[in-house]
Amino acid sequence: MNNPTSWFDAQRQGKRFFLVSVEDATIAGLEFDASWNAFSLVLEYADGNIRVVGCDGGEPEDQTLCRDWSWVVEELNAAYEEGRVTEANSP
């Protein structure tokens, strides 16, 4: 099995979030729930840890902001809060 963090280190180029195909994630050695039936994954790579933020898998009737895409608002709020805290702590 490949080492996912080494693949992301090579791809990083200052990025924290990635949009990758399921095929690339598999090639990189990332393990995830294959039952998602996803084509693409949104991944966060920070401090050597990889986290699946979201995916585009799911049933067509579930592809709404209040169901399969409800994670987007939570992630936007978390990113905003992180930026706010960082800005407040900057000299």
Protein backbone atom coordinates (compact mmCIF):
# COMPACT_ATOMS: atom_id res chain seq x y z
CA MET A 1 0.00 0.00 0.00
CA ASN A 2 1.21 3.51 -0.78
CA ASN A 3 1.75 6.14 1.88
CA PRO A 4 -1.06 8.73 1.45
CA THR A 5 0.84 11.50 3.22
CA SER A 6 3.83 11.21 0.86
CA TRP A 7 1.47 11.49 -2.14
CA PHE A 8 -0.14 14.60 -0.66
CA ASP A 9 3.24 16.08 0.28
CA ALA A 10 4.21 15.81 -3.40
CA GLN A 11 0.93 17.39 -4.56
CA ARG A 12 0.66 19.98 -1.81
CA GLN A 13 2.29 23.12 -3.25
CA GLY A 14 0.95 25.17 -0.34
CA LYS A 15 -2.57 23.76 -0.60
CA ARG A 16 -4.62 22.55 2.33
CA PHE A 17 -7.72 21.28 0.51
CA PHE A 18 -7.79 18.99 -2.50
CA LEU A 19 -10.42 17.82 -4.93
CA VAL A 20 -9.34 14.36 -6.04
CA SER A 21 -10.91 11.54 -7.95
CA VAL A 22 -11.64 8.30 -6.16
CA GLU A 23 -9.07 6.68 -8.45
CA ASP A 24 -6.33 9.13 -7.36
CA ALA A 25 -7.26 8.68 -3.70
CA THR A 26 -7.01 4.92 -4.13
CA ILE A 27 -3.66 5.22 -5.95
CA ALA A 28 -2.40 7.41 -3.11
CA GLY A 29 -3.33 4.64 -0.68
CA LEU A 30 -6.13 6.47 1.09
CA GLU A 31 -8.75 4.21 2.61
CA PHE A 32 -12.37 5.37 2.64
CA ASP A 33 -15.86 3.93 2.64
CA ALA A 34 -16.33 2.61 -0.92
CA SER A 35 -20.08 2.38 -0.38
CA TRP A 36 -20.27 6.16 -0.88
CA ASN A 37 -20.35 5.58 -4.65
CA ALA A 38 -18.38 8.79 -5.06
CA PHE A 39 -16.59 10.11 -8.12
CA SER A 40 -14.67 12.88 -6.32
CA LEU A 41 -13.57 13.60 -2.78
CA VAL A 42 -12.80 16.87 -1.00
CA LEU A 43 -9.85 16.20 1.28
CA GLU A 44 -8.11 18.30 3.89
CA TYR A 45 -4.42 17.73 4.48
CA ALA A 46 -3.05 19.48 7.55
CA ASP A 47 -0.33 18.61 10.04
CA GLY A 48 0.31 15.29 8.30
CA ASN A 49 -3.31 14.19 8.68
CA ILE A 50 -5.74 13.54 5.84
CA ARG A 51 -9.45 14.04 6.42
CA VAL A 52 -12.29 13.34 3.99
CA VAL A 53 -14.36 16.54 4.16
CA GLY A 54 -17.02 15.50 1.67
CA CYS A 55 -17.78 13.66 -1.52
CA ASP A 56 -20.14 13.81 -4.46
CA GLY A 57 -21.51 10.31 -3.90
CA GLY A 58 -25.08 9.51 -3.07
CA GLU A 59 -28.43 9.09 -4.66
CA PRO A 60 -29.56 11.79 -7.14
CA GLU A 61 -32.60 12.65 -5.04
CA ASP A 62 -30.34 13.31 -2.04
CA GLN A 63 -28.11 15.83 -3.83
CA THR A 64 -29.48 18.86 -2.01
CA LEU A 65 -27.93 21.42 0.32
CA CYS A 66 -30.01 20.18 3.23
CA ARG A 67 -28.97 16.55 2.77
CA ASP A 68 -25.79 15.33 1.06
CA TRP A 69 -24.29 18.82 0.78
CA SER A 70 -25.11 19.98 4.32
CA TRP A 71 -21.44 19.57 5.27
CA VAL A 72 -20.50 22.56 3.09
CA VAL A 73 -21.93 25.18 5.48
CA GLU A 74 -20.19 23.58 8.46
CA GLU A 75 -16.85 23.59 6.64
CA LEU A 76 -17.27 27.20 5.49
CA ASN A 77 -18.01 28.27 9.07
CA ALA A 78 -14.98 26.35 10.36
CA ALA A 79 -12.72 27.94 7.75
CA TYR A 80 -14.09 31.40 8.55
CA GLU A 81 -13.53 30.86 12.28
CA GLU A 82 -10.00 29.62 11.72
CA GLY A 83 -9.21 32.68 9.59
CA ARG A 84 -10.78 35.00 12.15
CA VAL A 85 -8.73 33.51 14.99
CA THR A 86 -5.54 33.62 12.93
CA GLU A 87 -6.14 37.26 12.01
CA ALA A 88 -6.87 38.19 15.63
CA ASN A 89 -3.59 36.59 16.73
CA SER A 90 -1.49 38.26 14.03
CA PRO A 91 0.83 41.08 15.09
